[in-house]
Amino acid sequence: MKKLLVYIFVAGLAMLAMACGSPPRPAGLAEKPAEKPEPVRPKLQGPDIALGDTWVFEVKRIGASVPYVKWSEKVTAINTDRIVCLHTDLTTRKQAEITYGPGWTPLSKNVRSPGMSNYVPKGKLPVSFPLWLGKRWKDSYAEELNGDAPRIMFRNQYTVVKQENLQTPAGTFQTWRIQISQNWVERFYSEQWHQWYAPEVGRIVRISAPGHFAMQLVNFIPAR
C-alpha cells in the first residue's frame, strides 16, 4: 500500500510539471534570440549563346561625333569553354576569327585579311560568372601603352555595383553595372571605368572610360 501511494505521488508531480510547461529559466539568463537566415542573393549564370548570334559595336573617342571604329562579331563555333566569333571591321571589311574564353576573355585571333591587326588584349576578364550584387574579381597584365615601350603593369578590380535599365542604340536592356578600378603600377596612377552587362544579349553593351572612349552596342541580331 505504501508503494502504491509513492507511485501515485510521483505520477501526480509529473502530470503537474507537464501542465505547467517547461521549468522557469534561472534568473539572469536571457532567452537567446532566434538566428535569422542569411538573405539569398540572386545569382546570374553565364550567357546562353547560339551559333549565328551577331553583335554590332562602335567606339567613339571622347568629344567625337562619329565612331572611331565600328565592327560586328558573329558566333561561328561553340565549345565547352570557348566561343569563336567572326570579327568584321565594318569600315575596311577586314576580318579575323577571335576565340573567347569564359567571361568573354579574348584568348587568340586568327587574322583572315591582309593588314588586319593581330593584337589581342591581355589578361582582361570582363565578366566573371555567376554574377551577384557586390561580387568582386581581379586581373592583372603587363602591356605597352599605345604600342610604346616599356610595358606597364595594369591591375584591375571589378565590382558589381547595381542593376539598372540602360538605353542603347540596340534597345533598352536590364543590365548589371560593373565598376572597374584600374591601377597603372609603374606610373602610380589609377582611374575608374564602368561597364554594363546585358543578360538578354549575353554581352557587355556599354563601356564608359572617362577621358578616353565610350563603347556601346548598336545592334543585336539573334540566331535564326
N, C-alpha and C. Protein backbone atom coordinates (compact mmCIF):
# COMPACT_ATOMS: atom_id res chain seq x y z
N MET A 1 0.83 -1.20 0.00
CA MET A 1 0.00 0.00 0.00
C MET A 1 0.86 1.25 0.00
N LYS A 2 1.98 1.19 0.76
CA LYS A 2 2.88 2.35 0.84
C LYS A 2 3.50 2.63 -0.52
N LYS A 3 3.91 1.52 -1.24
CA LYS A 3 4.50 1.70 -2.57
C LYS A 3 3.49 2.30 -3.53
N LEU A 4 2.26 1.92 -3.43
CA LEU A 4 1.22 2.45 -4.31
C LEU A 4 1.03 3.93 -4.09
N LEU A 5 1.08 4.39 -2.83
CA LEU A 5 0.93 5.82 -2.54
C LEU A 5 2.10 6.63 -3.11
N VAL A 6 3.34 6.05 -2.98
CA VAL A 6 4.52 6.74 -3.53
C VAL A 6 4.39 6.87 -5.04
N TYR A 7 3.95 5.80 -5.72
CA TYR A 7 3.78 5.83 -7.18
C TYR A 7 2.78 6.89 -7.59
N ILE A 8 1.65 6.96 -6.86
CA ILE A 8 0.62 7.95 -7.19
C ILE A 8 1.16 9.36 -6.99
N PHE A 9 2.00 9.56 -5.96
CA PHE A 9 2.55 10.90 -5.67
C PHE A 9 3.51 11.34 -6.78
N VAL A 10 4.39 10.41 -7.22
CA VAL A 10 5.35 10.74 -8.28
C VAL A 10 4.64 11.02 -9.60
N ALA A 11 3.63 10.18 -9.90
CA ALA A 11 2.89 10.40 -11.14
C ALA A 11 2.17 11.73 -11.12
N GLY A 12 1.66 12.11 -9.98
CA GLY A 12 0.98 13.41 -9.86
C GLY A 12 1.92 14.57 -10.11
N LEU A 13 3.16 14.48 -9.58
CA LEU A 13 4.15 15.54 -9.82
C LEU A 13 4.48 15.64 -11.31
N ALA A 14 4.61 14.51 -11.99
CA ALA A 14 4.92 14.53 -13.42
C ALA A 14 3.82 15.19 -14.21
N MET A 15 2.57 14.87 -13.89
CA MET A 15 1.44 15.47 -14.60
C MET A 15 1.37 16.97 -14.34
N LEU A 16 1.72 17.39 -13.10
CA LEU A 16 1.71 18.82 -12.78
C LEU A 16 2.77 19.57 -13.57
N ALA A 17 3.96 18.94 -13.70
CA ALA A 17 5.03 19.58 -14.47
C ALA A 17 4.64 19.74 -15.92
N MET A 18 3.98 18.71 -16.49
CA MET A 18 3.55 18.80 -17.89
C MET A 18 2.51 19.88 -18.07
N ALA A 19 1.64 20.05 -17.10
CA ALA A 19 0.60 21.07 -17.21
C ALA A 19 1.17 22.47 -17.11
N CYS A 20 2.24 22.63 -16.35
CA CYS A 20 2.81 23.97 -16.13
C CYS A 20 3.82 24.35 -17.19
N GLY A 21 4.20 23.44 -18.10
CA GLY A 21 5.17 23.75 -19.15
C GLY A 21 6.59 23.55 -18.65
N SER A 22 7.57 24.10 -19.40
CA SER A 22 8.97 23.93 -19.07
C SER A 22 9.29 24.68 -17.80
N PRO A 23 10.30 24.25 -17.06
CA PRO A 23 10.67 24.92 -15.81
C PRO A 23 11.15 26.33 -16.09
N PRO A 24 10.98 27.24 -15.12
CA PRO A 24 11.39 28.63 -15.32
C PRO A 24 12.89 28.74 -15.54
N ARG A 25 13.30 29.72 -16.44
CA ARG A 25 14.71 29.96 -16.73
C ARG A 25 15.36 30.59 -15.50
N PRO A 26 16.53 30.13 -15.08
CA PRO A 26 17.20 30.73 -13.92
C PRO A 26 17.36 32.24 -14.10
N ALA A 27 17.33 32.96 -12.99
CA ALA A 27 17.45 34.42 -13.05
C ALA A 27 18.78 34.82 -13.65
N GLY A 28 18.75 35.88 -14.47
CA GLY A 28 19.97 36.41 -15.08
C GLY A 28 20.29 35.83 -16.43
N LEU A 29 19.58 34.79 -16.89
CA LEU A 29 19.82 34.20 -18.20
C LEU A 29 18.75 34.66 -19.18
N ALA A 30 19.12 35.48 -20.14
CA ALA A 30 18.17 35.98 -21.14
C ALA A 30 17.95 34.92 -22.20
N GLU A 31 16.76 34.90 -22.76
CA GLU A 31 16.45 33.94 -23.81
C GLU A 31 17.18 34.32 -25.09
N LYS A 32 17.87 33.35 -25.71
CA LYS A 32 18.65 33.59 -26.92
C LYS A 32 17.74 33.85 -28.11
N PRO A 33 17.93 34.99 -28.80
CA PRO A 33 17.06 35.27 -29.96
C PRO A 33 17.31 34.29 -31.09
N ALA A 34 16.28 34.03 -31.84
CA ALA A 34 16.40 33.12 -32.99
C ALA A 34 17.27 33.74 -34.06
N GLU A 35 18.16 32.96 -34.64
CA GLU A 35 19.06 33.47 -35.67
C GLU A 35 18.30 33.61 -36.99
N LYS A 36 18.51 34.76 -37.65
CA LYS A 36 17.87 34.98 -38.94
C LYS A 36 18.72 34.36 -40.04
N PRO A 37 18.10 33.69 -40.98
CA PRO A 37 18.89 33.10 -42.08
C PRO A 37 19.48 34.18 -42.96
N GLU A 38 20.66 33.88 -43.54
CA GLU A 38 21.30 34.81 -44.46
C GLU A 38 20.41 35.04 -45.67
N PRO A 39 20.26 36.31 -46.10
CA PRO A 39 19.43 36.55 -47.29
C PRO A 39 20.04 35.89 -48.52
N VAL A 40 19.20 35.35 -49.36
CA VAL A 40 19.67 34.68 -50.57
C VAL A 40 19.90 35.74 -51.66
N ARG A 41 21.15 35.81 -52.14
CA ARG A 41 21.48 36.77 -53.19
C ARG A 41 21.26 36.13 -54.56
N PRO A 42 20.41 36.73 -55.38
CA PRO A 42 20.20 36.15 -56.71
C PRO A 42 21.49 36.15 -57.51
N LYS A 43 21.76 35.04 -58.19
CA LYS A 43 22.98 34.92 -58.98
C LYS A 43 22.63 34.76 -60.46
N LEU A 44 23.44 35.38 -61.29
CA LEU A 44 23.24 35.32 -62.73
C LEU A 44 24.31 34.42 -63.33
N GLN A 45 23.88 33.38 -64.01
CA GLN A 45 24.81 32.44 -64.63
C GLN A 45 25.26 32.98 -65.99
N GLY A 46 26.14 32.23 -66.64
CA GLY A 46 26.68 32.66 -67.91
C GLY A 46 25.65 32.71 -69.02
N PRO A 47 26.00 33.36 -70.14
CA PRO A 47 25.02 33.57 -71.22
C PRO A 47 24.71 32.31 -71.99
N ASP A 48 23.52 32.29 -72.56
CA ASP A 48 23.09 31.20 -73.44
C ASP A 48 23.30 31.67 -74.88
N ILE A 49 24.45 31.34 -75.43
CA ILE A 49 24.86 31.81 -76.75
C ILE A 49 24.53 30.76 -77.81
N ALA A 50 24.12 31.22 -79.00
CA ALA A 50 23.77 30.30 -80.09
C ALA A 50 24.60 30.62 -81.32
N LEU A 51 24.83 29.60 -82.14
CA LEU A 51 25.52 29.80 -83.41
C LEU A 51 24.74 30.80 -84.27
N GLY A 52 25.44 31.82 -84.75
CA GLY A 52 24.79 32.82 -85.59
C GLY A 52 24.44 34.10 -84.86
N ASP A 53 24.45 34.10 -83.51
CA ASP A 53 24.24 35.36 -82.79
C ASP A 53 25.25 36.40 -83.26
N THR A 54 24.76 37.62 -83.52
CA THR A 54 25.63 38.67 -84.06
C THR A 54 25.42 39.96 -83.29
N TRP A 55 26.55 40.59 -82.91
CA TRP A 55 26.52 41.88 -82.23
C TRP A 55 27.28 42.91 -83.06
N VAL A 56 26.80 44.14 -83.05
CA VAL A 56 27.48 45.24 -83.74
C VAL A 56 27.83 46.29 -82.68
N PHE A 57 29.10 46.66 -82.63
CA PHE A 57 29.60 47.61 -81.64
C PHE A 57 30.23 48.82 -82.34
N GLU A 58 30.33 49.90 -81.58
CA GLU A 58 31.07 51.06 -82.05
C GLU A 58 31.81 51.69 -80.88
N VAL A 59 32.93 52.33 -81.19
CA VAL A 59 33.71 53.05 -80.20
C VAL A 59 33.86 54.49 -80.65
N LYS A 60 33.58 55.42 -79.74
CA LYS A 60 33.78 56.83 -80.02
C LYS A 60 34.78 57.41 -79.02
N ARG A 61 35.70 58.18 -79.54
CA ARG A 61 36.60 58.90 -78.65
C ARG A 61 35.83 60.04 -77.98
N ILE A 62 36.28 60.41 -76.81
CA ILE A 62 35.60 61.46 -76.06
C ILE A 62 35.56 62.76 -76.88
N GLY A 63 34.37 63.31 -77.06
CA GLY A 63 34.20 64.56 -77.81
C GLY A 63 33.98 64.37 -79.28
N ALA A 64 34.11 63.13 -79.78
CA ALA A 64 33.92 62.88 -81.22
C ALA A 64 32.45 62.62 -81.51
N SER A 65 32.02 63.02 -82.71
CA SER A 65 30.62 62.83 -83.10
C SER A 65 30.42 61.58 -83.95
N VAL A 66 31.50 61.05 -84.52
CA VAL A 66 31.40 59.85 -85.35
C VAL A 66 32.24 58.74 -84.73
N PRO A 67 31.89 57.49 -84.99
CA PRO A 67 32.65 56.37 -84.40
C PRO A 67 34.10 56.35 -84.86
N TYR A 68 34.97 55.99 -83.94
CA TYR A 68 36.37 55.77 -84.27
C TYR A 68 36.53 54.44 -84.98
N VAL A 69 35.77 53.46 -84.53
CA VAL A 69 35.78 52.15 -85.16
C VAL A 69 34.41 51.51 -84.92
N LYS A 70 33.98 50.70 -85.90
CA LYS A 70 32.70 50.00 -85.80
C LYS A 70 32.90 48.60 -86.35
N TRP A 71 32.40 47.60 -85.62
CA TRP A 71 32.64 46.22 -86.05
C TRP A 71 31.49 45.31 -85.63
N SER A 72 31.44 44.15 -86.25
CA SER A 72 30.45 43.13 -85.89
C SER A 72 31.18 41.87 -85.45
N GLU A 73 30.50 41.06 -84.64
CA GLU A 73 31.02 39.76 -84.23
C GLU A 73 29.90 38.74 -84.34
N LYS A 74 30.14 37.68 -85.10
CA LYS A 74 29.15 36.63 -85.32
C LYS A 74 29.70 35.31 -84.81
N VAL A 75 28.90 34.59 -84.00
CA VAL A 75 29.34 33.32 -83.43
C VAL A 75 29.41 32.26 -84.52
N THR A 76 30.60 31.65 -84.67
CA THR A 76 30.79 30.62 -85.69
C THR A 76 31.06 29.24 -85.10
N ALA A 77 31.42 29.18 -83.82
CA ALA A 77 31.68 27.89 -83.18
C ALA A 77 31.54 28.06 -81.67
N ILE A 78 31.04 27.00 -81.02
CA ILE A 78 30.89 26.99 -79.57
C ILE A 78 31.41 25.65 -79.05
N ASN A 79 32.36 25.71 -78.11
CA ASN A 79 32.85 24.51 -77.45
C ASN A 79 32.53 24.62 -75.96
N THR A 80 33.05 23.70 -75.16
CA THR A 80 32.70 23.67 -73.74
C THR A 80 32.97 25.00 -73.06
N ASP A 81 34.16 25.54 -73.24
CA ASP A 81 34.51 26.80 -72.59
C ASP A 81 35.13 27.80 -73.58
N ARG A 82 34.76 27.66 -74.85
CA ARG A 82 35.29 28.56 -75.89
C ARG A 82 34.16 29.01 -76.80
N ILE A 83 34.23 30.27 -77.22
CA ILE A 83 33.31 30.81 -78.22
C ILE A 83 34.16 31.46 -79.31
N VAL A 84 33.94 31.07 -80.56
CA VAL A 84 34.68 31.64 -81.68
C VAL A 84 33.75 32.57 -82.44
N CYS A 85 34.22 33.80 -82.69
CA CYS A 85 33.42 34.80 -83.41
C CYS A 85 34.18 35.29 -84.63
N LEU A 86 33.44 35.52 -85.70
CA LEU A 86 34.00 36.16 -86.89
C LEU A 86 33.88 37.67 -86.69
N HIS A 87 35.02 38.32 -86.56
CA HIS A 87 35.09 39.76 -86.33
C HIS A 87 35.26 40.47 -87.68
N THR A 88 34.38 41.42 -87.98
CA THR A 88 34.44 42.16 -89.25
C THR A 88 34.50 43.65 -88.97
N ASP A 89 35.56 44.30 -89.42
CA ASP A 89 35.64 45.76 -89.36
C ASP A 89 34.68 46.31 -90.41
N LEU A 90 33.66 47.04 -89.99
CA LEU A 90 32.62 47.47 -90.92
C LEU A 90 33.02 48.66 -91.78
N THR A 91 34.21 49.19 -91.56
CA THR A 91 34.73 50.25 -92.43
C THR A 91 35.64 49.68 -93.51
N THR A 92 36.57 48.82 -93.10
CA THR A 92 37.54 48.27 -94.06
C THR A 92 37.11 46.91 -94.60
N ARG A 93 36.12 46.25 -93.94
CA ARG A 93 35.64 44.91 -94.28
C ARG A 93 36.69 43.84 -94.02
N LYS A 94 37.75 44.16 -93.31
CA LYS A 94 38.76 43.16 -92.96
C LYS A 94 38.21 42.27 -91.84
N GLN A 95 38.66 40.99 -91.87
CA GLN A 95 38.09 40.03 -90.94
C GLN A 95 39.16 39.24 -90.18
N ALA A 96 38.72 38.74 -89.02
CA ALA A 96 39.57 37.86 -88.21
C ALA A 96 38.65 37.00 -87.34
N GLU A 97 39.14 35.83 -86.95
CA GLU A 97 38.43 34.98 -86.01
C GLU A 97 39.00 35.21 -84.62
N ILE A 98 38.13 35.51 -83.67
CA ILE A 98 38.56 35.73 -82.29
C ILE A 98 37.99 34.61 -81.42
N THR A 99 38.85 34.00 -80.63
CA THR A 99 38.43 32.96 -79.69
C THR A 99 38.36 33.55 -78.30
N TYR A 100 37.18 33.39 -77.67
CA TYR A 100 36.96 33.90 -76.31
C TYR A 100 36.87 32.73 -75.34
N GLY A 101 37.37 32.98 -74.12
CA GLY A 101 37.22 32.02 -73.04
C GLY A 101 36.08 32.45 -72.13
N PRO A 102 35.96 31.81 -70.95
CA PRO A 102 34.90 32.17 -70.01
C PRO A 102 34.92 33.65 -69.67
N GLY A 103 33.72 34.25 -69.56
CA GLY A 103 33.63 35.67 -69.23
C GLY A 103 34.01 36.58 -70.38
N TRP A 104 34.02 36.04 -71.61
CA TRP A 104 34.40 36.81 -72.80
C TRP A 104 35.84 37.33 -72.72
N THR A 105 36.71 36.50 -72.15
CA THR A 105 38.14 36.84 -72.14
C THR A 105 38.74 36.51 -73.50
N PRO A 106 39.30 37.49 -74.23
CA PRO A 106 39.89 37.19 -75.54
C PRO A 106 41.16 36.37 -75.38
N LEU A 107 41.23 35.25 -76.11
CA LEU A 107 42.37 34.34 -75.98
C LEU A 107 43.30 34.39 -77.19
N SER A 108 42.72 34.45 -78.39
CA SER A 108 43.56 34.44 -79.59
C SER A 108 42.81 35.07 -80.76
N LYS A 109 43.58 35.42 -81.78
CA LYS A 109 43.00 36.00 -83.00
C LYS A 109 43.65 35.35 -84.22
N ASN A 110 42.82 34.89 -85.13
CA ASN A 110 43.29 34.31 -86.38
C ASN A 110 42.93 35.27 -87.50
N VAL A 111 43.92 36.01 -87.98
CA VAL A 111 43.69 37.05 -88.98
C VAL A 111 43.37 36.43 -90.34
N ARG A 112 42.28 36.91 -90.96
CA ARG A 112 41.88 36.41 -92.28
C ARG A 112 42.24 37.37 -93.41
N SER A 113 42.34 38.67 -93.10
CA SER A 113 42.56 39.69 -94.14
C SER A 113 43.93 40.32 -93.98
N PRO A 114 44.67 40.53 -95.09
CA PRO A 114 45.97 41.19 -95.01
C PRO A 114 45.82 42.58 -94.38
N GLY A 115 46.76 42.90 -93.52
CA GLY A 115 46.73 44.22 -92.89
C GLY A 115 45.87 44.29 -91.64
N MET A 116 45.16 43.21 -91.33
CA MET A 116 44.34 43.19 -90.13
C MET A 116 45.24 43.02 -88.91
N SER A 117 45.01 43.81 -87.88
CA SER A 117 45.83 43.72 -86.68
C SER A 117 45.64 42.38 -85.98
N ASN A 118 46.73 41.80 -85.48
CA ASN A 118 46.64 40.56 -84.73
C ASN A 118 46.69 40.80 -83.22
N TYR A 119 46.47 42.03 -82.83
CA TYR A 119 46.52 42.40 -81.41
C TYR A 119 45.39 41.74 -80.63
N VAL A 120 45.73 41.16 -79.48
CA VAL A 120 44.75 40.55 -78.58
C VAL A 120 44.94 41.18 -77.20
N PRO A 121 43.90 41.81 -76.65
CA PRO A 121 44.03 42.37 -75.29
C PRO A 121 44.45 41.28 -74.31
N LYS A 122 45.34 41.63 -73.40
CA LYS A 122 45.90 40.63 -72.50
C LYS A 122 45.26 40.66 -71.12
N GLY A 123 44.92 39.48 -70.63
CA GLY A 123 44.54 39.34 -69.23
C GLY A 123 43.23 39.95 -68.79
N LYS A 124 42.41 40.42 -69.72
CA LYS A 124 41.19 41.10 -69.29
C LYS A 124 40.05 40.10 -69.11
N LEU A 125 39.45 40.11 -67.93
CA LEU A 125 38.31 39.24 -67.62
C LEU A 125 37.10 40.14 -67.38
N PRO A 126 36.38 40.52 -68.45
CA PRO A 126 35.30 41.50 -68.32
C PRO A 126 34.17 41.07 -67.40
N VAL A 127 33.82 39.76 -67.44
CA VAL A 127 32.69 39.26 -66.65
C VAL A 127 33.09 37.93 -66.01
N SER A 128 32.85 37.81 -64.72
CA SER A 128 33.14 36.57 -64.00
C SER A 128 31.83 35.97 -63.51
N PHE A 129 31.39 34.89 -64.16
CA PHE A 129 30.11 34.28 -63.81
C PHE A 129 30.29 33.26 -62.69
N PRO A 130 29.26 33.07 -61.84
CA PRO A 130 27.99 33.82 -61.84
C PRO A 130 28.17 35.21 -61.26
N LEU A 131 27.26 36.11 -61.60
CA LEU A 131 27.27 37.48 -61.07
C LEU A 131 26.29 37.61 -59.93
N TRP A 132 26.60 38.47 -58.98
CA TRP A 132 25.65 38.89 -57.95
C TRP A 132 26.08 40.26 -57.46
N LEU A 133 25.16 41.00 -56.89
CA LEU A 133 25.47 42.34 -56.39
C LEU A 133 26.54 42.24 -55.32
N GLY A 134 27.59 43.04 -55.49
CA GLY A 134 28.69 43.04 -54.54
C GLY A 134 29.83 42.13 -54.90
N LYS A 135 29.67 41.28 -55.93
CA LYS A 135 30.75 40.36 -56.29
C LYS A 135 31.97 41.14 -56.79
N ARG A 136 33.16 40.63 -56.46
CA ARG A 136 34.41 41.25 -56.90
C ARG A 136 35.33 40.20 -57.51
N TRP A 137 36.13 40.63 -58.47
CA TRP A 137 37.19 39.79 -59.00
C TRP A 137 38.30 40.69 -59.51
N LYS A 138 39.46 40.11 -59.81
CA LYS A 138 40.63 40.89 -60.22
C LYS A 138 41.30 40.26 -61.43
N ASP A 139 42.08 41.09 -62.14
CA ASP A 139 43.03 40.57 -63.10
C ASP A 139 44.21 41.54 -63.19
N SER A 140 45.28 41.08 -63.78
CA SER A 140 46.46 41.93 -63.96
C SER A 140 47.21 41.46 -65.19
N TYR A 141 47.91 42.38 -65.82
CA TYR A 141 48.66 42.05 -67.03
C TYR A 141 49.64 43.18 -67.31
N ALA A 142 50.70 42.86 -68.07
CA ALA A 142 51.69 43.84 -68.49
C ALA A 142 51.51 44.10 -69.98
N GLU A 143 51.47 45.37 -70.35
CA GLU A 143 51.20 45.71 -71.75
C GLU A 143 51.82 47.06 -72.07
N GLU A 144 52.21 47.23 -73.34
CA GLU A 144 52.70 48.52 -73.79
C GLU A 144 51.54 49.49 -73.92
N LEU A 145 51.73 50.72 -73.50
CA LEU A 145 50.68 51.72 -73.56
C LEU A 145 50.72 52.39 -74.93
N ASN A 146 49.63 52.22 -75.71
CA ASN A 146 49.55 52.76 -77.07
C ASN A 146 50.69 52.26 -77.96
N GLY A 147 51.16 51.05 -77.67
CA GLY A 147 52.20 50.46 -78.50
C GLY A 147 53.59 50.97 -78.22
N ASP A 148 53.74 51.78 -77.17
CA ASP A 148 55.05 52.37 -76.85
C ASP A 148 55.68 51.64 -75.67
N ALA A 149 56.93 51.22 -75.84
CA ALA A 149 57.66 50.59 -74.74
C ALA A 149 58.01 51.67 -73.69
N PRO A 150 58.27 51.32 -72.45
CA PRO A 150 58.29 49.96 -71.90
C PRO A 150 56.89 49.49 -71.51
N ARG A 151 56.78 48.24 -71.13
CA ARG A 151 55.49 47.70 -70.70
C ARG A 151 55.11 48.24 -69.34
N ILE A 152 53.81 48.36 -69.14
CA ILE A 152 53.27 48.84 -67.87
C ILE A 152 52.42 47.74 -67.27
N MET A 153 52.53 47.57 -65.95
CA MET A 153 51.70 46.59 -65.26
C MET A 153 50.36 47.23 -64.90
N PHE A 154 49.28 46.61 -65.38
CA PHE A 154 47.93 47.07 -65.07
C PHE A 154 47.29 46.08 -64.09
N ARG A 155 46.62 46.61 -63.08
CA ARG A 155 45.87 45.78 -62.15
C ARG A 155 44.44 46.32 -62.07
N ASN A 156 43.49 45.44 -62.34
CA ASN A 156 42.08 45.85 -62.35
C ASN A 156 41.32 45.13 -61.24
N GLN A 157 40.43 45.86 -60.59
CA GLN A 157 39.48 45.23 -59.68
C GLN A 157 38.08 45.55 -60.16
N TYR A 158 37.25 44.51 -60.31
CA TYR A 158 35.89 44.64 -60.81
C TYR A 158 34.92 44.45 -59.64
N THR A 159 33.87 45.28 -59.60
CA THR A 159 32.85 45.15 -58.56
C THR A 159 31.48 45.34 -59.19
N VAL A 160 30.56 44.39 -58.95
CA VAL A 160 29.18 44.53 -59.42
C VAL A 160 28.47 45.47 -58.46
N VAL A 161 28.09 46.65 -58.95
CA VAL A 161 27.58 47.69 -58.05
C VAL A 161 26.07 47.84 -58.06
N LYS A 162 25.40 47.51 -59.18
CA LYS A 162 23.95 47.67 -59.19
C LYS A 162 23.35 47.03 -60.45
N GLN A 163 22.02 46.89 -60.44
CA GLN A 163 21.26 46.50 -61.63
C GLN A 163 20.45 47.71 -62.07
N GLU A 164 20.41 47.96 -63.37
CA GLU A 164 19.68 49.12 -63.85
C GLU A 164 19.32 48.96 -65.31
N ASN A 165 18.27 49.67 -65.73
CA ASN A 165 17.90 49.72 -67.14
C ASN A 165 18.85 50.66 -67.87
N LEU A 166 19.25 50.25 -69.05
CA LEU A 166 20.19 51.06 -69.84
C LEU A 166 19.69 51.15 -71.27
N GLN A 167 19.62 52.38 -71.78
CA GLN A 167 19.18 52.59 -73.16
C GLN A 167 20.40 52.66 -74.08
N THR A 168 20.38 51.87 -75.15
CA THR A 168 21.44 51.87 -76.15
C THR A 168 20.80 51.97 -77.52
N PRO A 169 21.59 52.21 -78.57
CA PRO A 169 21.02 52.21 -79.92
C PRO A 169 20.39 50.86 -80.29
N ALA A 170 20.82 49.78 -79.62
CA ALA A 170 20.26 48.46 -79.91
C ALA A 170 18.99 48.18 -79.13
N GLY A 171 18.62 49.06 -78.22
CA GLY A 171 17.42 48.86 -77.41
C GLY A 171 17.70 49.15 -75.95
N THR A 172 16.68 49.00 -75.12
CA THR A 172 16.81 49.21 -73.68
C THR A 172 16.90 47.85 -73.00
N PHE A 173 17.91 47.68 -72.16
CA PHE A 173 18.17 46.39 -71.54
C PHE A 173 18.26 46.54 -70.02
N GLN A 174 17.87 45.45 -69.34
CA GLN A 174 18.15 45.34 -67.92
C GLN A 174 19.60 44.88 -67.79
N THR A 175 20.43 45.66 -67.10
CA THR A 175 21.87 45.39 -67.08
C THR A 175 22.41 45.27 -65.65
N TRP A 176 23.59 44.69 -65.58
CA TRP A 176 24.38 44.65 -64.35
C TRP A 176 25.54 45.61 -64.55
N ARG A 177 25.61 46.61 -63.70
CA ARG A 177 26.66 47.62 -63.82
C ARG A 177 27.89 47.18 -63.04
N ILE A 178 29.04 47.18 -63.72
CA ILE A 178 30.30 46.70 -63.13
C ILE A 178 31.29 47.86 -63.09
N GLN A 179 31.78 48.16 -61.92
CA GLN A 179 32.78 49.21 -61.74
C GLN A 179 34.18 48.61 -61.87
N ILE A 180 35.04 49.29 -62.62
CA ILE A 180 36.42 48.82 -62.82
C ILE A 180 37.37 49.85 -62.24
N SER A 181 38.14 49.45 -61.24
CA SER A 181 39.19 50.31 -60.69
C SER A 181 40.51 49.83 -61.25
N GLN A 182 41.12 50.67 -62.11
CA GLN A 182 42.36 50.27 -62.80
C GLN A 182 43.54 51.03 -62.22
N ASN A 183 44.60 50.28 -61.92
CA ASN A 183 45.82 50.87 -61.37
C ASN A 183 46.98 50.65 -62.33
N TRP A 184 47.65 51.76 -62.71
CA TRP A 184 48.85 51.68 -63.54
C TRP A 184 50.03 51.66 -62.58
N VAL A 185 50.59 50.48 -62.32
CA VAL A 185 51.51 50.30 -61.20
C VAL A 185 52.74 51.20 -61.31
N GLU A 186 53.46 51.14 -62.43
CA GLU A 186 54.73 51.89 -62.54
C GLU A 186 54.52 53.40 -62.55
N ARG A 187 53.34 53.85 -62.94
CA ARG A 187 53.09 55.30 -63.03
C ARG A 187 52.32 55.84 -61.83
N PHE A 188 52.08 55.00 -60.84
CA PHE A 188 51.37 55.41 -59.62
C PHE A 188 50.09 56.18 -59.97
N TYR A 189 49.36 55.60 -60.91
CA TYR A 189 48.16 56.29 -61.41
C TYR A 189 46.99 55.30 -61.39
N SER A 190 45.82 55.81 -61.08
CA SER A 190 44.63 54.94 -61.11
C SER A 190 43.45 55.71 -61.67
N GLU A 191 42.50 54.99 -62.22
CA GLU A 191 41.29 55.59 -62.75
C GLU A 191 40.14 54.59 -62.65
N GLN A 192 38.93 55.08 -62.87
CA GLN A 192 37.75 54.26 -62.69
C GLN A 192 36.89 54.26 -63.95
N TRP A 193 36.54 53.06 -64.41
CA TRP A 193 35.66 52.89 -65.55
C TRP A 193 34.37 52.22 -65.08
N HIS A 194 33.39 52.14 -65.99
CA HIS A 194 32.18 51.36 -65.74
C HIS A 194 31.82 50.60 -67.02
N GLN A 195 31.26 49.43 -66.84
CA GLN A 195 30.74 48.67 -67.97
C GLN A 195 29.41 48.05 -67.56
N TRP A 196 28.57 47.79 -68.58
CA TRP A 196 27.22 47.28 -68.33
C TRP A 196 27.03 45.97 -69.09
N TYR A 197 26.68 44.92 -68.36
CA TYR A 197 26.44 43.62 -68.97
C TYR A 197 24.95 43.38 -69.07
N ALA A 198 24.47 42.98 -70.27
CA ALA A 198 23.04 42.74 -70.50
C ALA A 198 22.81 41.24 -70.73
N PRO A 199 22.19 40.54 -69.78
CA PRO A 199 21.93 39.10 -69.96
C PRO A 199 21.11 38.79 -71.21
N GLU A 200 20.23 39.71 -71.62
CA GLU A 200 19.35 39.47 -72.76
C GLU A 200 20.13 39.21 -74.04
N VAL A 201 21.28 39.85 -74.17
CA VAL A 201 22.10 39.66 -75.39
C VAL A 201 23.41 38.95 -75.08
N GLY A 202 23.72 38.73 -73.80
CA GLY A 202 24.89 37.95 -73.42
C GLY A 202 26.22 38.65 -73.56
N ARG A 203 26.24 39.99 -73.65
CA ARG A 203 27.49 40.73 -73.83
C ARG A 203 27.50 42.01 -73.01
N ILE A 204 28.70 42.56 -72.87
CA ILE A 204 28.83 43.93 -72.38
C ILE A 204 28.25 44.85 -73.45
N VAL A 205 27.30 45.71 -73.08
CA VAL A 205 26.65 46.56 -74.08
C VAL A 205 27.11 48.01 -74.00
N ARG A 206 27.86 48.35 -72.97
CA ARG A 206 28.43 49.70 -72.90
C ARG A 206 29.65 49.68 -72.00
N ILE A 207 30.67 50.46 -72.39
CA ILE A 207 31.84 50.72 -71.55
C ILE A 207 32.06 52.22 -71.54
N SER A 208 32.21 52.79 -70.37
CA SER A 208 32.49 54.21 -70.22
C SER A 208 33.87 54.38 -69.58
N ALA A 209 34.80 54.91 -70.35
CA ALA A 209 36.16 55.17 -69.86
C ALA A 209 36.40 56.67 -69.92
N PRO A 210 36.05 57.40 -68.86
CA PRO A 210 36.14 58.86 -68.87
C PRO A 210 37.52 59.35 -69.29
N GLY A 211 37.52 60.30 -70.22
CA GLY A 211 38.77 60.85 -70.72
C GLY A 211 39.38 60.06 -71.85
N HIS A 212 38.81 58.89 -72.17
CA HIS A 212 39.39 58.04 -73.21
C HIS A 212 38.38 57.75 -74.32
N PHE A 213 37.39 56.91 -74.02
CA PHE A 213 36.47 56.49 -75.07
C PHE A 213 35.17 56.01 -74.44
N ALA A 214 34.17 55.79 -75.32
CA ALA A 214 32.91 55.16 -74.92
C ALA A 214 32.58 54.11 -75.97
N MET A 215 32.27 52.91 -75.53
CA MET A 215 31.88 51.82 -76.44
C MET A 215 30.44 51.45 -76.16
N GLN A 216 29.68 51.10 -77.21
CA GLN A 216 28.30 50.68 -76.99
C GLN A 216 27.84 49.72 -78.08
N LEU A 217 26.82 48.94 -77.74
CA LEU A 217 26.19 48.05 -78.70
C LEU A 217 25.19 48.84 -79.53
N VAL A 218 25.29 48.71 -80.85
CA VAL A 218 24.37 49.44 -81.72
C VAL A 218 23.35 48.53 -82.40
N ASN A 219 23.62 47.19 -82.35
CA ASN A 219 22.62 46.27 -82.92
C ASN A 219 22.91 44.86 -82.41
N PHE A 220 21.84 44.10 -82.24
CA PHE A 220 21.96 42.69 -81.89
C PHE A 220 21.03 41.89 -82.79
N ILE A 221 21.60 40.90 -83.48
CA ILE A 221 20.84 40.06 -84.40
C ILE A 221 20.90 38.64 -83.87
N PRO A 222 19.84 38.16 -83.23
CA PRO A 222 19.89 36.78 -82.69
C PRO A 222 19.90 35.75 -83.80
N ALA A 223 20.41 34.56 -83.46
CA ALA A 223 20.47 33.46 -84.42
C ALA A 223 19.08 33.08 -84.88
N ARG A 224 18.96 32.64 -86.12
CA ARG A 224 17.67 32.22 -86.67
C ARG A 224 17.64 30.72 -86.87
